[in-house]
């Protein structure tokens, strides 16, 4: 489920057990619900992958 309204789209979908993507163009902070900025997620993943030996 992708939505732009946290209270109307995302939280009800999460309560129903759906995976969600919150389109948040205004960059409203909301870490208490477990949301992170895409840039932060990608940075952490890139850092994690640099620690993995692919050989």
PDB file of N, CA and C in Angstrom:
ATOM      1  N   UNK A   1       0.849  -1.173   0.000  1.00  0.00           N
ATOM      2  CA  UNK A   1       0.000   0.000   0.000  1.00  0.00           C
ATOM      3  C   UNK A   1       0.889   1.228   0.000  1.00  0.00           C
ATOM      4  N   UNK A   2       0.669   2.115  -0.918  1.00  0.00           N
ATOM      5  CA  UNK A   2       1.369   3.395  -0.954  1.00  0.00           C
ATOM      6  C   UNK A   2       0.343   4.500  -0.764  1.00  0.00           C
ATOM      7  N   UNK A   3       0.655   5.427   0.104  1.00  0.00           N
ATOM      8  CA  UNK A   3      -0.253   6.536   0.348  1.00  0.00           C
ATOM      9  C   UNK A   3       0.498   7.763   0.793  1.00  0.00           C
ATOM     10  N   UNK A   4      -0.192   8.879   0.778  1.00  0.00           N
ATOM     11  CA  UNK A   4       0.450  10.127   1.179  1.00  0.00           C
ATOM     12  C   UNK A   4      -0.097  10.681   2.485  1.00  0.00           C
ATOM     13  N   UNK A   5      -1.090  10.042   3.052  1.00  0.00           N
ATOM     14  CA  UNK A   5      -1.649  10.507   4.322  1.00  0.00           C
ATOM     15  C   UNK A   5      -1.413   9.442   5.383  1.00  0.00           C
ATOM     16  N   UNK A   6      -0.585   9.787   6.339  1.00  0.00           N
ATOM     17  CA  UNK A   6      -0.199   8.833   7.372  1.00  0.00           C
ATOM     18  C   UNK A   6      -1.403   8.265   8.109  1.00  0.00           C
ATOM     19  N   UNK A   7      -2.257   9.145   8.616  1.00  0.00           N
ATOM     20  CA  UNK A   7      -3.391   8.709   9.444  1.00  0.00           C
ATOM     21  C   UNK A   7      -4.476   7.985   8.650  1.00  0.00           C
ATOM     22  N   UNK A   8      -4.691   8.378   7.408  1.00  0.00           N
ATOM     23  CA  UNK A   8      -5.789   7.803   6.618  1.00  0.00           C
ATOM     24  C   UNK A   8      -5.364   6.637   5.744  1.00  0.00           C
ATOM     25  N   UNK A   9      -4.118   6.635   5.275  1.00  0.00           N
ATOM     26  CA  UNK A   9      -3.667   5.599   4.344  1.00  0.00           C
ATOM     27  C   UNK A   9      -2.764   4.560   5.004  1.00  0.00           C
ATOM     28  N   UNK A  10      -1.725   5.034   5.629  1.00  0.00           N
ATOM     29  CA  UNK A  10      -0.630   4.162   6.038  1.00  0.00           C
ATOM     30  C   UNK A  10      -0.906   3.402   7.330  1.00  0.00           C
ATOM     31  N   UNK A  11      -1.276   4.110   8.378  1.00  0.00           N
ATOM     32  CA  UNK A  11      -1.483   3.425   9.660  1.00  0.00           C
ATOM     33  C   UNK A  11      -2.596   2.376   9.600  1.00  0.00           C
ATOM     34  N   UNK A  12      -3.740   2.649   8.972  1.00  0.00           N
ATOM     35  CA  UNK A  12      -4.754   1.592   8.858  1.00  0.00           C
ATOM     36  C   UNK A  12      -4.265   0.385   8.050  1.00  0.00           C
ATOM     37  N   UNK A  13      -3.509   0.636   6.988  1.00  0.00           N
ATOM     38  CA  UNK A  13      -2.986  -0.473   6.190  1.00  0.00           C
ATOM     39  C   UNK A  13      -2.000  -1.310   6.996  1.00  0.00           C
ATOM     40  N   UNK A  14      -1.168  -0.665   7.799  1.00  0.00           N
ATOM     41  CA  UNK A  14      -0.219  -1.407   8.644  1.00  0.00           C
ATOM     42  C   UNK A  14      -0.969  -2.234   9.690  1.00  0.00           C
ATOM     43  N   UNK A  15      -2.020  -1.657  10.258  1.00  0.00           N
ATOM     44  CA  UNK A  15      -2.810  -2.420  11.239  1.00  0.00           C
ATOM     45  C   UNK A  15      -3.461  -3.644  10.596  1.00  0.00           C
ATOM     46  N   UNK A  16      -3.759  -3.556   9.303  1.00  0.00           N
ATOM     47  CA  UNK A  16      -4.356  -4.682   8.576  1.00  0.00           C
ATOM     48  C   UNK A  16      -3.303  -5.691   8.125  1.00  0.00           C
ATOM     49  N   UNK A  17      -2.031  -5.407   8.407  1.00  0.00           N
ATOM     50  CA  UNK A  17      -0.972  -6.347   8.069  1.00  0.00           C
ATOM     51  C   UNK A  17      -0.347  -6.147   6.700  1.00  0.00           C
ATOM     52  N   UNK A  18      -0.654  -5.038   6.052  1.00  0.00           N
ATOM     53  CA  UNK A  18      -0.087  -4.769   4.738  1.00  0.00           C
ATOM     54  C   UNK A  18       1.268  -4.078   4.857  1.00  0.00           C
ATOM     55  N   UNK A  19       2.111  -4.292   3.880  1.00  0.00           N
ATOM     56  CA  UNK A  19       3.341  -3.514   3.787  1.00  0.00           C
ATOM     57  C   UNK A  19       2.971  -2.136   3.256  1.00  0.00           C
ATOM     58  N   UNK A  20       3.676  -1.131   3.726  1.00  0.00           N
ATOM     59  CA  UNK A  20       3.315   0.235   3.335  1.00  0.00           C
ATOM     60  C   UNK A  20       4.518   1.027   2.859  1.00  0.00           C
ATOM     61  N   UNK A  21       4.235   1.991   2.014  1.00  0.00           N
ATOM     62  CA  UNK A  21       5.198   2.999   1.569  1.00  0.00           C
ATOM     63  C   UNK A  21       4.517   4.343   1.747  1.00  0.00           C
ATOM     64  N   UNK A  22       5.098   5.153   2.577  1.00  0.00           N
ATOM     65  CA  UNK A  22       4.510   6.465   2.846  1.00  0.00           C
ATOM     66  C   UNK A  22       5.177   7.498   1.962  1.00  0.00           C
ATOM     67  N   UNK A  23       4.436   8.025   1.001  1.00  0.00           N
ATOM     68  CA  UNK A  23       4.909   9.127   0.167  1.00  0.00           C
ATOM     69  C   UNK A  23       4.759  10.392   0.992  1.00  0.00           C
ATOM     70  N   UNK A  24       5.868  10.937   1.397  1.00  0.00           N
ATOM     71  CA  UNK A  24       5.887  12.053   2.338  1.00  0.00           C
ATOM     72  C   UNK A  24       6.674  13.214   1.730  1.00  0.00           C
ATOM     73  N   UNK A  25       6.097  13.904   0.727  1.00  0.00           N
ATOM     74  CA  UNK A  25       6.849  14.956   0.038  1.00  0.00           C
ATOM     75  C   UNK A  25       7.202  16.147   0.922  1.00  0.00           C
ATOM     76  N   UNK A  26       6.484  16.339   1.999  1.00  0.00           N
ATOM     77  CA  UNK A  26       6.801  17.463   2.885  1.00  0.00           C
ATOM     78  C   UNK A  26       7.858  17.093   3.923  1.00  0.00           C
ATOM     79  N   UNK A  27       8.327  15.834   3.900  1.00  0.00           N
ATOM     80  CA  UNK A  27       9.372  15.338   4.816  1.00  0.00           C
ATOM     81  C   UNK A  27       8.985  15.502   6.281  1.00  0.00           C
ATOM     82  N   UNK A  28       7.721  15.246   6.577  1.00  0.00           N
ATOM     83  CA  UNK A  28       7.246  15.293   7.956  1.00  0.00           C
ATOM     84  C   UNK A  28       7.948  14.213   8.776  1.00  0.00           C
ATOM     85  N   UNK A  29       8.649  14.588   9.858  1.00  0.00           N
ATOM     86  CA  UNK A  29       9.328  13.576  10.669  1.00  0.00           C
ATOM     87  C   UNK A  29       8.314  12.679  11.378  1.00  0.00           C
ATOM     88  N   UNK A  30       8.595  11.397  11.433  1.00  0.00           N
ATOM     89  CA  UNK A  30       7.688  10.474  12.110  1.00  0.00           C
ATOM     90  C   UNK A  30       8.396   9.174  12.430  1.00  0.00           C
ATOM     91  N   UNK A  31       9.432   9.233  13.226  1.00  0.00           N
ATOM     92  CA  UNK A  31      10.188   8.034  13.572  1.00  0.00           C
ATOM     93  C   UNK A  31       9.474   7.174  14.616  1.00  0.00           C
ATOM     94  N   UNK A  32       8.528   7.737  15.352  1.00  0.00           N
ATOM     95  CA  UNK A  32       7.854   6.943  16.393  1.00  0.00           C
ATOM     96  C   UNK A  32       7.015   5.815  15.811  1.00  0.00           C
ATOM     97  N   UNK A  33       6.659   5.894  14.536  1.00  0.00           N
ATOM     98  CA  UNK A  33       5.909   4.820  13.894  1.00  0.00           C
ATOM     99  C   UNK A  33       6.806   3.901  13.072  1.00  0.00           C
ATOM    100  N   UNK A  34       8.116   4.049  13.216  1.00  0.00           N
ATOM    101  CA  UNK A  34       9.044   3.173  12.526  1.00  0.00           C
ATOM    102  C   UNK A  34       9.371   3.576  11.108  1.00  0.00           C
ATOM    103  N   UNK A  35       9.084   4.803  10.724  1.00  0.00           N
ATOM    104  CA  UNK A  35       9.369   5.266   9.381  1.00  0.00           C
ATOM    105  C   UNK A  35      10.753   5.895   9.328  1.00  0.00           C
ATOM    106  N   UNK A  36      11.398   5.727   8.189  1.00  0.00           N
ATOM    107  CA  UNK A  36      12.702   6.339   7.966  1.00  0.00           C
ATOM    108  C   UNK A  36      12.719   6.935   6.570  1.00  0.00           C
ATOM    109  N   UNK A  37      13.584   7.905   6.379  1.00  0.00           N
ATOM    110  CA  UNK A  37      13.727   8.499   5.051  1.00  0.00           C
ATOM    111  C   UNK A  37      14.418   7.504   4.126  1.00  0.00           C
ATOM    112  N   UNK A  38      14.031   7.482   2.877  1.00  0.00           N
ATOM    113  CA  UNK A  38      14.621   6.567   1.914  1.00  0.00           C
ATOM    114  C   UNK A  38      16.129   6.742   1.834  1.00  0.00           C
ATOM    115  N   UNK A  39      16.605   7.982   1.864  1.00  0.00           N
ATOM    116  CA  UNK A  39      18.046   8.216   1.805  1.00  0.00           C
ATOM    117  C   UNK A  39      18.761   7.555   2.975  1.00  0.00           C
ATOM    118  N   UNK A  40      18.157   7.595   4.171  1.00  0.00           N
ATOM    119  CA  UNK A  40      18.757   6.965   5.344  1.00  0.00           C
ATOM    120  C   UNK A  40      18.795   5.448   5.197  1.00  0.00           C
ATOM    121  N   UNK A  41      17.723   4.878   4.679  1.00  0.00           N
ATOM    122  CA  UNK A  41      17.669   3.433   4.477  1.00  0.00           C
ATOM    123  C   UNK A  41      18.733   3.002   3.468  1.00  0.00           C
ATOM    124  N   UNK A  42      18.826   3.723   2.346  1.00  0.00           N
ATOM    125  CA  UNK A  42      19.809   3.374   1.325  1.00  0.00           C
ATOM    126  C   UNK A  42      21.236   3.540   1.825  1.00  0.00           C
ATOM    127  N   UNK A  43      21.487   4.568   2.614  1.00  0.00           N
ATOM    128  CA  UNK A  43      22.823   4.769   3.175  1.00  0.00           C
ATOM    129  C   UNK A  43      23.198   3.620   4.097  1.00  0.00           C
ATOM    130  N   UNK A  44      22.276   3.221   4.978  1.00  0.00           N
ATOM    131  CA  UNK A  44      22.551   2.099   5.887  1.00  0.00           C
ATOM    132  C   UNK A  44      22.788   0.809   5.116  1.00  0.00           C
ATOM    133  N   UNK A  45      21.987   0.580   4.088  1.00  0.00           N
ATOM    134  CA  UNK A  45      22.139  -0.635   3.290  1.00  0.00           C
ATOM    135  C   UNK A  45      23.477  -0.628   2.545  1.00  0.00           C
ATOM    136  N   UNK A  46      23.858   0.519   1.996  1.00  0.00           N
ATOM    137  CA  UNK A  46      25.130   0.613   1.309  1.00  0.00           C
ATOM    138  C   UNK A  46      26.282   0.366   2.284  1.00  0.00           C
ATOM    139  N   UNK A  47      26.182   0.915   3.465  1.00  0.00           N
ATOM    140  CA  UNK A  47      27.221   0.705   4.478  1.00  0.00           C
ATOM    141  C   UNK A  47      27.304  -0.762   4.875  1.00  0.00           C
ATOM    142  N   UNK A  48      26.153  -1.391   5.021  1.00  0.00           N
ATOM    143  CA  UNK A  48      26.120  -2.807   5.385  1.00  0.00           C
ATOM    144  C   UNK A  48      26.733  -3.660   4.282  1.00  0.00           C
ATOM    145  N   UNK A  49      26.403  -3.338   3.036  1.00  0.00           N
ATOM    146  CA  UNK A  49      26.912  -4.114   1.900  1.00  0.00           C
ATOM    147  C   UNK A  49      28.425  -3.947   1.743  1.00  0.00           C
ATOM    148  N   UNK A  50      28.962  -2.806   2.120  1.00  0.00           N
ATOM    149  CA  UNK A  50      30.408  -2.613   2.001  1.00  0.00           C
ATOM    150  C   UNK A  50      31.162  -3.479   2.985  1.00  0.00           C
ATOM    151  N   UNK A  51      30.487  -3.989   4.008  1.00  0.00           N
ATOM    152  CA  UNK A  51      31.115  -4.878   4.976  1.00  0.00           C
ATOM    153  C   UNK A  51      31.082  -6.337   4.551  1.00  0.00           C
ATOM    154  N   UNK A  52      30.302  -6.664   3.527  1.00  0.00           N
ATOM    155  CA  UNK A  52      30.150  -8.034   3.069  1.00  0.00           C
ATOM    156  C   UNK A  52      31.232  -8.352   2.048  1.00  0.00           C
ATOM    157  N   UNK A  53      31.906  -9.475   2.243  1.00  0.00           N
ATOM    158  CA  UNK A  53      32.928  -9.924   1.300  1.00  0.00           C
ATOM    159  C   UNK A  53      32.232 -10.722   0.209  1.00  0.00           C
ATOM    160  N   UNK A  54      32.217 -10.202  -1.016  1.00  0.00           N
ATOM    161  CA  UNK A  54      31.527 -10.854  -2.124  1.00  0.00           C
ATOM    162  C   UNK A  54      32.400 -11.853  -2.875  1.00  0.00           C
ATOM    163  N   UNK A  55      33.659 -12.012  -2.477  1.00  0.00           N
ATOM    164  CA  UNK A  55      34.547 -12.978  -3.151  1.00  0.00           C
ATOM    165  C   UNK A  55      34.393 -14.373  -2.611  1.00  0.00           C
TER     166      UNK A  55
END
